[in-house]
Every structure is written in structure tokens, then in C-alpha cells.
N, C-alpha and C. Protein backbone atom coordinates (compact mmCIF):
# COMPACT_ATOMS: atom_id res chain seq x y z
N UNK A 1 -153.54 -7.91 -71.76
CA UNK A 1 -154.36 -8.45 -70.70
C UNK A 1 -154.05 -7.69 -69.41
N UNK A 2 -155.03 -7.57 -68.58
CA UNK A 2 -154.87 -6.86 -67.32
C UNK A 2 -153.88 -7.59 -66.41
N UNK A 3 -153.03 -6.82 -65.71
CA UNK A 3 -152.00 -7.42 -64.85
C UNK A 3 -152.60 -8.31 -63.77
N UNK A 4 -153.70 -7.92 -63.18
CA UNK A 4 -154.30 -8.71 -62.11
C UNK A 4 -154.76 -10.06 -62.64
N UNK A 5 -155.33 -10.08 -63.84
CA UNK A 5 -155.77 -11.35 -64.44
C UNK A 5 -154.56 -12.24 -64.71
N UNK A 6 -153.49 -11.67 -65.18
CA UNK A 6 -152.27 -12.45 -65.44
C UNK A 6 -151.74 -13.06 -64.15
N UNK A 7 -151.71 -12.30 -63.07
CA UNK A 7 -151.22 -12.83 -61.79
C UNK A 7 -152.15 -13.91 -61.25
N UNK A 8 -153.44 -13.77 -61.44
CA UNK A 8 -154.38 -14.82 -61.00
C UNK A 8 -154.13 -16.10 -61.78
N UNK A 9 -153.88 -15.99 -63.07
CA UNK A 9 -153.58 -17.17 -63.88
C UNK A 9 -152.27 -17.81 -63.43
N UNK A 10 -151.25 -17.00 -63.19
CA UNK A 10 -149.96 -17.53 -62.74
C UNK A 10 -150.13 -18.26 -61.40
N UNK A 11 -150.82 -17.64 -60.46
CA UNK A 11 -151.04 -18.28 -59.16
C UNK A 11 -151.88 -19.54 -59.31
N UNK A 12 -152.85 -19.49 -60.21
CA UNK A 12 -153.71 -20.66 -60.44
C UNK A 12 -152.95 -21.88 -60.92
N UNK A 13 -151.92 -21.68 -61.71
CA UNK A 13 -151.12 -22.80 -62.17
C UNK A 13 -149.99 -23.14 -61.20
N UNK A 14 -149.46 -22.15 -60.54
CA UNK A 14 -148.29 -22.33 -59.67
C UNK A 14 -148.67 -22.96 -58.33
N UNK A 15 -149.74 -22.51 -57.71
CA UNK A 15 -150.10 -22.96 -56.36
C UNK A 15 -150.34 -24.47 -56.27
N UNK A 16 -151.11 -25.07 -57.17
CA UNK A 16 -151.29 -26.53 -57.04
C UNK A 16 -149.98 -27.30 -57.12
N UNK A 17 -149.10 -26.90 -58.02
CA UNK A 17 -147.80 -27.58 -58.08
C UNK A 17 -147.01 -27.37 -56.80
N UNK A 18 -147.06 -26.16 -56.30
CA UNK A 18 -146.27 -25.81 -55.11
C UNK A 18 -146.75 -26.57 -53.88
N UNK A 19 -148.04 -26.85 -53.79
CA UNK A 19 -148.58 -27.57 -52.63
C UNK A 19 -148.62 -29.08 -52.84
N UNK A 20 -149.04 -29.52 -54.02
CA UNK A 20 -149.28 -30.94 -54.22
C UNK A 20 -148.02 -31.77 -54.38
N UNK A 21 -146.99 -31.24 -55.00
CA UNK A 21 -145.78 -32.03 -55.21
C UNK A 21 -145.13 -32.47 -53.88
N UNK A 22 -144.93 -31.57 -52.91
CA UNK A 22 -144.35 -32.03 -51.64
C UNK A 22 -145.23 -33.04 -50.91
N UNK A 23 -146.54 -32.85 -50.95
CA UNK A 23 -147.45 -33.78 -50.27
C UNK A 23 -147.41 -35.14 -50.95
N UNK A 24 -147.37 -35.15 -52.29
CA UNK A 24 -147.27 -36.42 -53.01
C UNK A 24 -145.97 -37.14 -52.67
N UNK A 25 -144.88 -36.40 -52.57
CA UNK A 25 -143.60 -37.02 -52.20
C UNK A 25 -143.70 -37.65 -50.82
N UNK A 26 -144.34 -36.97 -49.89
CA UNK A 26 -144.49 -37.52 -48.54
C UNK A 26 -145.35 -38.78 -48.53
N UNK A 27 -146.40 -38.82 -49.34
CA UNK A 27 -147.24 -40.01 -49.41
C UNK A 27 -146.53 -41.17 -50.07
N UNK A 28 -145.81 -40.89 -51.14
CA UNK A 28 -145.19 -41.97 -51.91
C UNK A 28 -143.96 -42.53 -51.20
N UNK A 29 -143.13 -41.68 -50.64
CA UNK A 29 -141.86 -42.14 -50.07
C UNK A 29 -141.92 -42.34 -48.57
N UNK A 30 -143.05 -42.10 -47.95
CA UNK A 30 -143.11 -42.15 -46.49
C UNK A 30 -143.22 -43.56 -45.94
N UNK A 31 -142.32 -43.87 -45.02
CA UNK A 31 -142.39 -45.12 -44.29
C UNK A 31 -142.60 -44.85 -42.81
N UNK A 32 -142.99 -43.62 -42.50
CA UNK A 32 -143.16 -43.22 -41.11
C UNK A 32 -144.54 -43.65 -40.61
N UNK A 33 -144.71 -43.69 -39.29
CA UNK A 33 -146.05 -43.92 -38.74
C UNK A 33 -147.00 -42.81 -39.16
N UNK A 34 -148.30 -43.08 -39.06
CA UNK A 34 -149.33 -42.14 -39.53
C UNK A 34 -149.23 -40.78 -38.85
N UNK A 35 -149.00 -40.75 -37.53
CA UNK A 35 -148.95 -39.46 -36.83
C UNK A 35 -147.74 -38.63 -37.26
N UNK A 36 -146.62 -39.29 -37.52
CA UNK A 36 -145.42 -38.58 -37.98
C UNK A 36 -145.64 -38.07 -39.40
N UNK A 37 -146.29 -38.88 -40.22
CA UNK A 37 -146.56 -38.46 -41.60
C UNK A 37 -147.48 -37.24 -41.62
N UNK A 38 -148.51 -37.24 -40.77
CA UNK A 38 -149.41 -36.08 -40.70
C UNK A 38 -148.64 -34.83 -40.27
N UNK A 39 -147.72 -34.99 -39.34
CA UNK A 39 -146.91 -33.86 -38.89
C UNK A 39 -146.02 -33.35 -40.04
N UNK A 40 -145.44 -34.26 -40.80
CA UNK A 40 -144.60 -33.87 -41.93
C UNK A 40 -145.42 -33.17 -43.01
N UNK A 41 -146.63 -33.66 -43.26
CA UNK A 41 -147.49 -33.02 -44.26
C UNK A 41 -147.87 -31.63 -43.80
N UNK A 42 -148.21 -31.48 -42.53
CA UNK A 42 -148.56 -30.16 -42.00
C UNK A 42 -147.38 -29.20 -42.15
N UNK A 43 -146.19 -29.67 -41.81
CA UNK A 43 -145.00 -28.82 -41.96
C UNK A 43 -144.74 -28.46 -43.42
N UNK A 44 -144.94 -29.43 -44.31
CA UNK A 44 -144.74 -29.17 -45.74
C UNK A 44 -145.72 -28.14 -46.26
N UNK A 45 -146.97 -28.20 -45.81
CA UNK A 45 -147.96 -27.21 -46.23
C UNK A 45 -147.62 -25.82 -45.70
N UNK A 46 -147.16 -25.75 -44.46
CA UNK A 46 -146.74 -24.46 -43.90
C UNK A 46 -145.53 -23.92 -44.66
N UNK A 47 -144.55 -24.78 -44.92
CA UNK A 47 -143.37 -24.37 -45.67
C UNK A 47 -143.74 -23.91 -47.08
N UNK A 48 -144.67 -24.61 -47.71
CA UNK A 48 -145.11 -24.24 -49.06
C UNK A 48 -145.79 -22.88 -49.05
N UNK A 49 -146.62 -22.64 -48.05
CA UNK A 49 -147.31 -21.36 -47.95
C UNK A 49 -146.31 -20.22 -47.76
N UNK A 50 -145.39 -20.40 -46.82
CA UNK A 50 -144.42 -19.34 -46.55
C UNK A 50 -143.53 -19.07 -47.76
N UNK A 51 -143.06 -20.12 -48.40
CA UNK A 51 -142.17 -19.91 -49.55
C UNK A 51 -142.94 -19.30 -50.73
N UNK A 52 -144.20 -19.67 -50.90
CA UNK A 52 -144.98 -19.10 -51.99
C UNK A 52 -145.26 -17.62 -51.76
N UNK A 53 -145.63 -17.25 -50.54
CA UNK A 53 -145.89 -15.84 -50.23
C UNK A 53 -144.63 -15.01 -50.42
N UNK A 54 -143.52 -15.50 -49.89
CA UNK A 54 -142.26 -14.78 -50.03
C UNK A 54 -141.83 -14.69 -51.50
N UNK A 55 -141.97 -15.79 -52.22
CA UNK A 55 -141.57 -15.80 -53.63
C UNK A 55 -142.40 -14.81 -54.44
N UNK A 56 -143.71 -14.79 -54.21
CA UNK A 56 -144.53 -13.86 -54.99
C UNK A 56 -144.26 -12.42 -54.62
N UNK A 57 -143.93 -12.15 -53.38
CA UNK A 57 -143.56 -10.78 -53.00
C UNK A 57 -142.31 -10.34 -53.76
N UNK A 58 -141.32 -11.21 -53.81
CA UNK A 58 -140.08 -10.89 -54.52
C UNK A 58 -140.33 -10.82 -56.03
N UNK A 59 -141.13 -11.74 -56.54
CA UNK A 59 -141.40 -11.79 -57.98
C UNK A 59 -142.14 -10.53 -58.44
N UNK A 60 -143.13 -10.09 -57.68
CA UNK A 60 -143.85 -8.88 -58.07
C UNK A 60 -142.90 -7.69 -58.08
N UNK A 61 -142.00 -7.62 -57.10
CA UNK A 61 -141.01 -6.56 -57.08
C UNK A 61 -140.10 -6.64 -58.31
N UNK A 62 -139.65 -7.85 -58.65
CA UNK A 62 -138.76 -8.02 -59.80
C UNK A 62 -139.45 -7.67 -61.11
N UNK A 63 -140.71 -8.04 -61.24
CA UNK A 63 -141.45 -7.72 -62.46
C UNK A 63 -141.62 -6.21 -62.60
N UNK A 64 -141.88 -5.53 -61.48
CA UNK A 64 -142.00 -4.08 -61.54
C UNK A 64 -140.68 -3.41 -61.92
N UNK A 65 -139.56 -4.09 -61.64
CA UNK A 65 -138.26 -3.57 -62.03
C UNK A 65 -137.86 -4.00 -63.44
N UNK A 66 -138.73 -4.78 -64.10
CA UNK A 66 -138.47 -5.20 -65.47
C UNK A 66 -137.62 -6.44 -65.59
N UNK A 67 -137.50 -7.22 -64.56
CA UNK A 67 -136.66 -8.42 -64.55
C UNK A 67 -137.53 -9.68 -64.60
N UNK A 68 -138.25 -9.89 -65.69
CA UNK A 68 -139.19 -11.01 -65.80
C UNK A 68 -138.48 -12.36 -65.76
N UNK A 69 -137.35 -12.51 -66.42
CA UNK A 69 -136.63 -13.79 -66.42
C UNK A 69 -136.17 -14.16 -65.02
N UNK A 70 -135.64 -13.21 -64.30
CA UNK A 70 -135.22 -13.46 -62.92
C UNK A 70 -136.42 -13.80 -62.04
N UNK A 71 -137.54 -13.15 -62.28
CA UNK A 71 -138.75 -13.41 -61.50
C UNK A 71 -139.22 -14.85 -61.71
N UNK A 72 -139.22 -15.33 -62.95
CA UNK A 72 -139.64 -16.70 -63.21
C UNK A 72 -138.65 -17.71 -62.63
N UNK A 73 -137.37 -17.37 -62.63
CA UNK A 73 -136.37 -18.23 -62.01
C UNK A 73 -136.61 -18.32 -60.50
N UNK A 74 -136.96 -17.22 -59.89
CA UNK A 74 -137.25 -17.21 -58.45
C UNK A 74 -138.46 -18.10 -58.15
N UNK A 75 -139.49 -18.04 -58.99
CA UNK A 75 -140.65 -18.92 -58.79
C UNK A 75 -140.25 -20.39 -58.91
N UNK A 76 -139.41 -20.69 -59.87
CA UNK A 76 -138.98 -22.08 -60.05
C UNK A 76 -138.15 -22.55 -58.86
N UNK A 77 -137.21 -21.76 -58.42
CA UNK A 77 -136.33 -22.15 -57.30
C UNK A 77 -137.12 -22.23 -55.99
N UNK A 78 -138.13 -21.38 -55.83
CA UNK A 78 -138.89 -21.41 -54.58
C UNK A 78 -139.69 -22.70 -54.44
N UNK A 79 -139.93 -23.39 -55.53
CA UNK A 79 -140.63 -24.67 -55.44
C UNK A 79 -139.77 -25.75 -54.79
N UNK A 80 -138.47 -25.54 -54.74
CA UNK A 80 -137.58 -26.53 -54.13
C UNK A 80 -137.53 -26.42 -52.61
N UNK A 81 -137.87 -25.27 -52.06
CA UNK A 81 -137.76 -25.05 -50.62
C UNK A 81 -138.53 -26.08 -49.79
N UNK A 82 -139.79 -26.40 -50.11
CA UNK A 82 -140.48 -27.42 -49.30
C UNK A 82 -139.77 -28.78 -49.33
N UNK A 83 -139.14 -29.11 -50.46
CA UNK A 83 -138.44 -30.40 -50.53
C UNK A 83 -137.19 -30.41 -49.65
N UNK A 84 -136.51 -29.29 -49.58
CA UNK A 84 -135.35 -29.19 -48.68
C UNK A 84 -135.80 -29.37 -47.24
N UNK A 85 -136.91 -28.72 -46.89
CA UNK A 85 -137.44 -28.84 -45.52
C UNK A 85 -137.89 -30.27 -45.23
N UNK A 86 -138.50 -30.95 -46.20
CA UNK A 86 -138.90 -32.36 -46.00
C UNK A 86 -137.66 -33.18 -45.71
N UNK A 87 -136.62 -32.98 -46.48
CA UNK A 87 -135.39 -33.74 -46.29
C UNK A 87 -134.80 -33.47 -44.90
N UNK A 88 -134.79 -32.21 -44.48
CA UNK A 88 -134.26 -31.87 -43.16
C UNK A 88 -135.10 -32.48 -42.04
N UNK A 89 -136.42 -32.43 -42.18
CA UNK A 89 -137.30 -33.02 -41.16
C UNK A 89 -137.12 -34.53 -41.09
N UNK A 90 -136.97 -35.17 -42.23
CA UNK A 90 -136.77 -36.63 -42.23
C UNK A 90 -135.43 -37.00 -41.62
N UNK A 91 -134.41 -36.19 -41.86
CA UNK A 91 -133.11 -36.45 -41.22
C UNK A 91 -133.24 -36.31 -39.71
N UNK A 92 -133.99 -35.32 -39.27
CA UNK A 92 -134.20 -35.10 -37.84
C UNK A 92 -134.93 -36.28 -37.22
N UNK A 93 -135.96 -36.76 -37.89
CA UNK A 93 -136.71 -37.93 -37.39
C UNK A 93 -135.83 -39.16 -37.34
N UNK A 94 -135.03 -39.37 -38.36
CA UNK A 94 -134.14 -40.52 -38.40
C UNK A 94 -133.11 -40.46 -37.27
N UNK A 95 -132.59 -39.27 -37.02
CA UNK A 95 -131.61 -39.08 -35.94
C UNK A 95 -132.24 -39.38 -34.58
N UNK A 96 -133.48 -38.96 -34.38
CA UNK A 96 -134.17 -39.20 -33.10
C UNK A 96 -134.44 -40.68 -32.93
N UNK A 97 -134.83 -41.37 -33.99
CA UNK A 97 -135.13 -42.81 -33.92
C UNK A 97 -133.87 -43.61 -33.61
N UNK A 98 -132.71 -43.15 -34.04
CA UNK A 98 -131.48 -43.90 -33.83
C UNK A 98 -131.00 -43.80 -32.39
N UNK A 99 -131.42 -42.78 -31.67
CA UNK A 99 -130.95 -42.64 -30.28
C UNK A 99 -131.84 -43.37 -29.33
């Protein structure tokens, strides 16, 4: 199969998970006011975009070097970055509310 088609398929399956999982976590676990939740969702979407672009740049480089297993591991680990940022933002909000 053509490499471009393979990458389109990979992105097609990867992108929805990469964007929707952090947003779902914010909807399900959020006890914040609506304006704070919208800000957190916006930040999560920005974080997801940045981590996905960076991950795919590294992954394409790794695949060209013949390191397919490492490339897939990088894609998997990059999905955690938005969750780390959500946790950090929520800690920041909690700290501000306590003062």
C-alpha cells in the first residue's frame, strides 16, 4: 500500500482518540464553572494539537530510520501529554481557588 495512504489511515484513527479522550475526561470529571471548563477544553485541544504534530514529526523520522516499534510507542505515549496538562491546569485552578 502507498505510504501516504497508510499515514492517512493512521491519522484517521489516531486523531479522534487524541482529541476526544481529553475532552471527554473534562466533561465527565469537571466540577468547574462553565467558563473555566471552556478554558480547560480550549487548552486541552491546543495541547492535543501540539503533541500530535510533534509526535507525528518524530514518528515519521523514526519510521524512515526503520524504527517502527519505537514510532508506535511514541504515538502511544504522546496521547498522555494532554492528560498531564489537564492535571496541571486543574492543580493550578485549585491552588488559585484556595487563596
